[in-house]
N, C-alpha and C. Protein backbone atom coordinates (compact mmCIF):
# COMPACT_ATOMS: atom_id res chain seq x y z
N MET A 1 -1.66 -62.28 53.41
CA MET A 1 -0.22 -62.52 53.27
C MET A 1 0.35 -62.90 54.63
N SER A 2 1.20 -63.92 54.66
CA SER A 2 1.76 -64.37 55.93
C SER A 2 2.91 -63.47 56.36
N ALA A 3 3.21 -63.53 57.64
CA ALA A 3 4.29 -62.71 58.21
C ALA A 3 5.63 -63.18 57.64
N PRO A 4 6.53 -62.24 57.36
CA PRO A 4 7.87 -62.63 56.91
C PRO A 4 8.56 -63.48 57.97
N ARG A 5 9.30 -64.50 57.52
CA ARG A 5 9.98 -65.43 58.42
C ARG A 5 11.41 -64.97 58.67
N ILE A 6 11.78 -64.92 59.95
CA ILE A 6 13.10 -64.49 60.37
C ILE A 6 13.74 -65.62 61.18
N LEU A 7 15.02 -65.88 60.93
CA LEU A 7 15.77 -66.85 61.73
C LEU A 7 16.82 -66.09 62.53
N VAL A 8 16.73 -66.16 63.85
CA VAL A 8 17.70 -65.53 64.74
C VAL A 8 18.73 -66.60 65.13
N VAL A 9 20.02 -66.25 64.99
CA VAL A 9 21.11 -67.19 65.28
C VAL A 9 22.05 -66.52 66.28
N ASP A 10 22.05 -67.01 67.51
CA ASP A 10 22.90 -66.41 68.55
C ASP A 10 23.14 -67.47 69.62
N ASP A 11 24.38 -67.59 70.08
CA ASP A 11 24.69 -68.60 71.09
C ASP A 11 24.25 -68.17 72.48
N ASP A 12 23.93 -66.90 72.67
CA ASP A 12 23.48 -66.41 73.97
C ASP A 12 21.95 -66.55 74.06
N GLN A 13 21.48 -67.42 74.95
CA GLN A 13 20.05 -67.70 75.07
C GLN A 13 19.24 -66.44 75.37
N ASP A 14 19.73 -65.58 76.26
CA ASP A 14 19.00 -64.36 76.60
C ASP A 14 18.85 -63.45 75.38
N SER A 15 19.92 -63.30 74.61
CA SER A 15 19.85 -62.48 73.40
C SER A 15 18.88 -63.08 72.39
N ARG A 16 18.96 -64.40 72.21
CA ARG A 16 18.03 -65.08 71.29
C ARG A 16 16.60 -64.82 71.69
N ASN A 17 16.32 -64.97 72.99
CA ASN A 17 14.95 -64.77 73.46
C ASN A 17 14.49 -63.33 73.26
N LEU A 18 15.35 -62.37 73.62
CA LEU A 18 15.00 -60.96 73.47
C LEU A 18 14.71 -60.61 72.02
N LEU A 19 15.61 -60.98 71.12
CA LEU A 19 15.43 -60.64 69.71
C LEU A 19 14.21 -61.34 69.13
N SER A 20 14.01 -62.60 69.49
CA SER A 20 12.85 -63.34 68.99
C SER A 20 11.54 -62.71 69.46
N GLU A 21 11.47 -62.39 70.74
CA GLU A 21 10.26 -61.77 71.28
C GLU A 21 10.01 -60.40 70.65
N PHE A 22 11.05 -59.61 70.51
CA PHE A 22 10.92 -58.28 69.92
C PHE A 22 10.44 -58.35 68.47
N LEU A 23 11.09 -59.20 67.67
CA LEU A 23 10.69 -59.30 66.26
C LEU A 23 9.30 -59.92 66.13
N GLY A 24 9.00 -60.90 66.97
CA GLY A 24 7.66 -61.49 66.96
C GLY A 24 6.58 -60.47 67.30
N ALA A 25 6.86 -59.60 68.28
CA ALA A 25 5.90 -58.56 68.66
C ALA A 25 5.71 -57.53 67.57
N ASN A 26 6.66 -57.49 66.62
CA ASN A 26 6.57 -56.55 65.51
C ASN A 26 6.08 -57.21 64.23
N GLY A 27 5.45 -58.37 64.37
CA GLY A 27 4.75 -58.98 63.25
C GLY A 27 5.51 -60.01 62.44
N TYR A 28 6.67 -60.42 62.90
CA TYR A 28 7.45 -61.41 62.17
C TYR A 28 7.25 -62.80 62.75
N ALA A 29 7.34 -63.81 61.91
CA ALA A 29 7.34 -65.21 62.34
C ALA A 29 8.81 -65.55 62.60
N VAL A 30 9.16 -65.84 63.85
CA VAL A 30 10.56 -65.97 64.24
C VAL A 30 10.86 -67.36 64.78
N ALA A 31 12.00 -67.90 64.35
CA ALA A 31 12.57 -69.10 64.95
C ALA A 31 13.98 -68.73 65.38
N ALA A 32 14.55 -69.48 66.32
CA ALA A 32 15.88 -69.15 66.82
C ALA A 32 16.68 -70.41 67.07
N VAL A 33 17.98 -70.33 66.77
CA VAL A 33 18.91 -71.43 67.01
C VAL A 33 20.21 -70.87 67.59
N GLY A 34 21.09 -71.75 68.08
CA GLY A 34 22.25 -71.33 68.83
C GLY A 34 23.56 -71.16 68.10
N ASP A 35 23.66 -71.59 66.83
CA ASP A 35 24.90 -71.38 66.08
C ASP A 35 24.65 -71.59 64.59
N GLY A 36 25.70 -71.32 63.80
CA GLY A 36 25.57 -71.40 62.35
C GLY A 36 25.25 -72.79 61.84
N THR A 37 25.81 -73.81 62.47
CA THR A 37 25.52 -75.18 62.05
C THR A 37 24.03 -75.49 62.24
N ALA A 38 23.50 -75.13 63.39
CA ALA A 38 22.07 -75.34 63.65
C ALA A 38 21.23 -74.51 62.68
N ALA A 39 21.71 -73.34 62.31
CA ALA A 39 20.98 -72.49 61.36
C ALA A 39 20.89 -73.18 60.00
N ARG A 40 21.99 -73.73 59.53
CA ARG A 40 21.95 -74.40 58.23
C ARG A 40 21.06 -75.64 58.27
N GLU A 41 21.05 -76.34 59.41
CA GLU A 41 20.14 -77.49 59.56
C GLU A 41 18.69 -77.02 59.50
N GLU A 42 18.38 -75.93 60.20
CA GLU A 42 17.02 -75.38 60.19
C GLU A 42 16.63 -74.94 58.78
N LEU A 43 17.53 -74.28 58.08
CA LEU A 43 17.24 -73.81 56.72
C LEU A 43 17.03 -74.97 55.75
N SER A 44 17.67 -76.10 56.01
CA SER A 44 17.47 -77.27 55.13
C SER A 44 16.13 -77.96 55.41
N ARG A 45 15.60 -77.78 56.64
CA ARG A 45 14.34 -78.41 57.02
C ARG A 45 13.13 -77.54 56.73
N VAL A 46 13.28 -76.23 56.90
CA VAL A 46 12.14 -75.32 56.82
C VAL A 46 12.42 -74.27 55.75
N GLU A 47 11.54 -74.17 54.78
CA GLU A 47 11.70 -73.18 53.71
C GLU A 47 10.99 -71.88 54.08
N GLY A 48 11.36 -70.83 53.40
CA GLY A 48 10.62 -69.59 53.50
C GLY A 48 11.23 -68.52 54.39
N TYR A 49 12.39 -68.78 54.98
CA TYR A 49 13.02 -67.71 55.76
C TYR A 49 13.48 -66.62 54.81
N GLN A 50 13.13 -65.38 55.13
CA GLN A 50 13.56 -64.27 54.29
C GLN A 50 14.83 -63.61 54.83
N VAL A 51 14.93 -63.52 56.14
CA VAL A 51 16.05 -62.81 56.76
C VAL A 51 16.65 -63.67 57.86
N ILE A 52 17.98 -63.64 57.92
CA ILE A 52 18.73 -64.31 58.99
C ILE A 52 19.46 -63.22 59.77
N VAL A 53 19.23 -63.19 61.08
CA VAL A 53 19.93 -62.26 61.97
C VAL A 53 20.89 -63.11 62.79
N ALA A 54 22.21 -62.93 62.56
CA ALA A 54 23.18 -63.83 63.19
C ALA A 54 24.28 -63.08 63.93
N ASP A 55 24.62 -63.61 65.11
CA ASP A 55 25.76 -63.11 65.85
C ASP A 55 27.02 -63.49 65.08
N LEU A 56 28.01 -62.62 65.15
CA LEU A 56 29.26 -62.89 64.44
C LEU A 56 30.08 -63.97 65.12
N ARG A 57 30.15 -63.92 66.45
CA ARG A 57 31.00 -64.85 67.19
C ARG A 57 30.16 -65.89 67.93
N MET A 58 30.28 -67.14 67.46
CA MET A 58 29.55 -68.25 68.07
C MET A 58 30.41 -69.50 67.97
N PRO A 59 30.20 -70.47 68.86
CA PRO A 59 30.93 -71.74 68.74
C PRO A 59 30.42 -72.54 67.54
N ARG A 60 31.16 -73.54 67.18
CA ARG A 60 30.87 -74.45 66.06
C ARG A 60 30.93 -73.74 64.72
N GLU A 61 30.08 -72.76 64.49
CA GLU A 61 30.07 -72.04 63.21
C GLU A 61 29.65 -70.60 63.46
N SER A 62 30.56 -69.68 63.19
CA SER A 62 30.29 -68.26 63.43
C SER A 62 29.32 -67.70 62.40
N GLY A 63 28.88 -66.49 62.66
CA GLY A 63 27.99 -65.83 61.70
C GLY A 63 28.65 -65.61 60.36
N LEU A 64 29.94 -65.27 60.38
CA LEU A 64 30.67 -65.07 59.12
C LEU A 64 30.84 -66.39 58.37
N GLU A 65 31.11 -67.47 59.10
CA GLU A 65 31.20 -68.80 58.47
C GLU A 65 29.85 -69.21 57.91
N LEU A 66 28.78 -68.92 58.64
CA LEU A 66 27.43 -69.20 58.16
C LEU A 66 27.18 -68.46 56.84
N LEU A 67 27.50 -67.19 56.82
CA LEU A 67 27.32 -66.38 55.61
C LEU A 67 28.13 -66.98 54.46
N ARG A 68 29.39 -67.31 54.72
CA ARG A 68 30.26 -67.89 53.68
C ARG A 68 29.68 -69.22 53.17
N ASN A 69 29.25 -70.09 54.08
CA ASN A 69 28.70 -71.39 53.68
C ASN A 69 27.41 -71.24 52.88
N LEU A 70 26.56 -70.31 53.27
CA LEU A 70 25.32 -70.09 52.52
C LEU A 70 25.60 -69.55 51.13
N ARG A 71 26.58 -68.68 51.00
CA ARG A 71 26.94 -68.14 49.68
C ARG A 71 27.52 -69.23 48.79
N ARG A 72 28.29 -70.15 49.38
CA ARG A 72 28.82 -71.30 48.60
C ARG A 72 27.68 -72.14 48.05
N GLN A 73 26.58 -72.19 48.81
CA GLN A 73 25.40 -72.95 48.37
C GLN A 73 24.51 -72.11 47.46
N GLU A 74 24.97 -70.91 47.13
CA GLU A 74 24.24 -69.96 46.29
C GLU A 74 22.92 -69.52 46.91
N SER A 75 22.89 -69.50 48.23
CA SER A 75 21.71 -69.04 48.95
C SER A 75 21.54 -67.54 48.74
N LYS A 76 20.32 -67.11 48.61
CA LYS A 76 20.01 -65.69 48.44
C LYS A 76 19.41 -65.09 49.70
N HIS A 77 19.49 -65.80 50.83
CA HIS A 77 18.96 -65.26 52.08
C HIS A 77 19.61 -63.92 52.39
N VAL A 78 18.82 -63.03 52.94
CA VAL A 78 19.33 -61.73 53.36
C VAL A 78 19.85 -61.90 54.79
N ILE A 79 21.11 -61.52 55.02
CA ILE A 79 21.74 -61.79 56.31
C ILE A 79 22.19 -60.49 56.97
N ILE A 80 21.80 -60.36 58.24
CA ILE A 80 22.21 -59.25 59.08
C ILE A 80 23.12 -59.83 60.15
N LEU A 81 24.34 -59.31 60.25
CA LEU A 81 25.28 -59.77 61.27
C LEU A 81 25.34 -58.76 62.41
N MET A 82 25.61 -59.27 63.62
CA MET A 82 25.72 -58.41 64.79
C MET A 82 26.85 -58.92 65.67
N SER A 83 27.53 -57.98 66.36
CA SER A 83 28.60 -58.37 67.25
C SER A 83 29.01 -57.19 68.12
N SER A 84 29.59 -57.51 69.28
CA SER A 84 30.09 -56.45 70.14
C SER A 84 31.45 -55.96 69.65
N PHE A 85 32.12 -56.73 68.81
CA PHE A 85 33.37 -56.30 68.21
C PHE A 85 33.45 -56.85 66.80
N ILE A 86 33.63 -55.96 65.84
CA ILE A 86 33.75 -56.36 64.44
C ILE A 86 35.03 -55.72 63.91
N SER A 87 36.01 -56.56 63.55
CA SER A 87 37.28 -56.05 63.03
C SER A 87 37.08 -55.51 61.61
N GLN A 88 38.03 -54.71 61.16
CA GLN A 88 37.96 -54.19 59.79
C GLN A 88 37.98 -55.34 58.78
N GLY A 89 38.78 -56.36 59.05
CA GLY A 89 38.83 -57.52 58.16
C GLY A 89 37.50 -58.24 58.08
N GLU A 90 36.85 -58.39 59.24
CA GLU A 90 35.52 -59.04 59.25
C GLU A 90 34.50 -58.19 58.53
N LYS A 91 34.57 -56.87 58.71
CA LYS A 91 33.65 -55.97 57.99
C LYS A 91 33.84 -56.13 56.49
N ARG A 92 35.09 -56.17 56.05
CA ARG A 92 35.38 -56.30 54.63
C ARG A 92 34.84 -57.64 54.09
N GLN A 93 35.12 -58.73 54.83
CA GLN A 93 34.65 -60.05 54.40
C GLN A 93 33.12 -60.10 54.33
N ALA A 94 32.47 -59.56 55.36
CA ALA A 94 31.01 -59.57 55.39
C ALA A 94 30.44 -58.81 54.20
N LYS A 95 31.04 -57.67 53.90
CA LYS A 95 30.58 -56.87 52.76
C LYS A 95 30.79 -57.64 51.45
N GLU A 96 31.98 -58.24 51.29
CA GLU A 96 32.27 -59.01 50.08
C GLU A 96 31.31 -60.18 49.90
N LEU A 97 30.89 -60.78 51.02
CA LEU A 97 29.98 -61.93 50.97
C LEU A 97 28.52 -61.51 50.87
N GLY A 98 28.26 -60.21 50.94
CA GLY A 98 26.90 -59.72 50.73
C GLY A 98 26.04 -59.60 51.97
N ALA A 99 26.64 -59.39 53.14
CA ALA A 99 25.82 -59.15 54.34
C ALA A 99 25.00 -57.89 54.10
N HIS A 100 23.75 -57.93 54.50
CA HIS A 100 22.86 -56.78 54.32
C HIS A 100 23.22 -55.65 55.27
N ALA A 101 23.57 -56.00 56.51
CA ALA A 101 23.91 -54.99 57.52
C ALA A 101 24.82 -55.61 58.57
N LEU A 102 25.59 -54.75 59.23
CA LEU A 102 26.42 -55.13 60.37
C LEU A 102 26.03 -54.24 61.53
N LEU A 103 25.50 -54.83 62.59
CA LEU A 103 25.08 -54.07 63.76
C LEU A 103 26.07 -54.30 64.88
N GLU A 104 26.60 -53.22 65.43
CA GLU A 104 27.54 -53.34 66.54
C GLU A 104 26.78 -53.28 67.86
N LYS A 105 26.99 -54.30 68.71
CA LYS A 105 26.36 -54.35 70.03
C LYS A 105 27.06 -53.39 70.97
N PRO A 106 26.38 -52.75 71.84
CA PRO A 106 24.92 -52.77 71.96
C PRO A 106 24.30 -51.88 70.89
N PHE A 107 23.18 -52.32 70.34
CA PHE A 107 22.45 -51.53 69.36
C PHE A 107 21.03 -51.33 69.85
N ARG A 108 20.38 -50.34 69.31
CA ARG A 108 18.98 -50.10 69.64
C ARG A 108 18.13 -51.13 68.91
N LEU A 109 17.14 -51.67 69.59
CA LEU A 109 16.24 -52.62 68.93
C LEU A 109 15.56 -51.99 67.73
N THR A 110 15.33 -50.68 67.79
CA THR A 110 14.72 -50.00 66.63
C THR A 110 15.65 -50.02 65.43
N ASP A 111 16.98 -50.02 65.65
CA ASP A 111 17.92 -50.12 64.54
C ASP A 111 17.85 -51.51 63.91
N LEU A 112 17.73 -52.54 64.76
CA LEU A 112 17.56 -53.89 64.24
C LEU A 112 16.26 -53.99 63.45
N LEU A 113 15.19 -53.45 64.01
CA LEU A 113 13.90 -53.51 63.34
C LEU A 113 13.96 -52.82 61.98
N ALA A 114 14.61 -51.68 61.89
CA ALA A 114 14.74 -50.97 60.61
C ALA A 114 15.50 -51.82 59.60
N ALA A 115 16.59 -52.47 60.04
CA ALA A 115 17.37 -53.32 59.14
C ALA A 115 16.56 -54.52 58.67
N VAL A 116 15.80 -55.12 59.59
CA VAL A 116 14.97 -56.29 59.24
C VAL A 116 13.84 -55.87 58.30
N GLN A 117 13.20 -54.74 58.57
CA GLN A 117 12.13 -54.26 57.69
C GLN A 117 12.64 -54.04 56.28
N GLU A 118 13.80 -53.41 56.17
CA GLU A 118 14.39 -53.17 54.85
C GLU A 118 14.74 -54.49 54.17
N ALA A 119 15.34 -55.40 54.91
CA ALA A 119 15.72 -56.69 54.35
C ALA A 119 14.50 -57.51 53.94
N ALA A 120 13.46 -57.50 54.75
CA ALA A 120 12.26 -58.28 54.45
C ALA A 120 11.49 -57.71 53.27
N ALA A 121 11.70 -56.44 52.97
CA ALA A 121 11.01 -55.81 51.84
C ALA A 121 11.60 -56.24 50.50
N LYS A 122 12.77 -56.86 50.53
CA LYS A 122 13.38 -57.35 49.30
C LYS A 122 12.52 -58.49 48.73
N LYS A 123 12.75 -58.79 47.48
CA LYS A 123 11.99 -59.84 46.80
C LYS A 123 12.11 -61.16 47.58
N PRO A 124 11.00 -61.85 47.83
CA PRO A 124 11.06 -63.12 48.56
C PRO A 124 11.97 -64.13 47.86
N ILE A 125 12.57 -65.00 48.64
CA ILE A 125 13.47 -66.01 48.10
C ILE A 125 12.64 -67.11 47.43
N PRO A 126 12.95 -67.40 46.16
CA PRO A 126 12.21 -68.45 45.47
C PRO A 126 12.47 -69.81 46.11
N ILE A 127 11.46 -70.63 46.13
CA ILE A 127 11.58 -71.98 46.69
C ILE A 127 12.05 -72.91 45.58
N SER A 128 13.16 -73.60 45.85
CA SER A 128 13.68 -74.51 44.84
C SER A 128 13.00 -75.86 44.96
N PRO A 129 12.88 -76.57 43.82
CA PRO A 129 12.20 -77.88 43.84
C PRO A 129 12.94 -78.93 44.62
């Protein structure tokens, strides 16, 4: 069985690298992009991502906008959002849109790993023709 595929979406290069290296060292196949628009482009090119870990605040397309756009497309990807500040309104919207988890920065990498493990254990996303 191949490693679960994770897409990390964060505009901060250092954070992207850290999360990618950490998840990769824990057995996941990881790709990383800098914003929600790039994430949707990657998802249209490469199938099989099970979990998306996205920063809430990014230029061009935020994590919440990414989540909203994917739900409009009826995507079943499991999405974990993270941010150093999450308003009550954003928490409510993320929950309504089906975010799997909201991690407040700074968080322990073990907390991220637990959320990803739980999310990756869900039924794999079917590949559409």
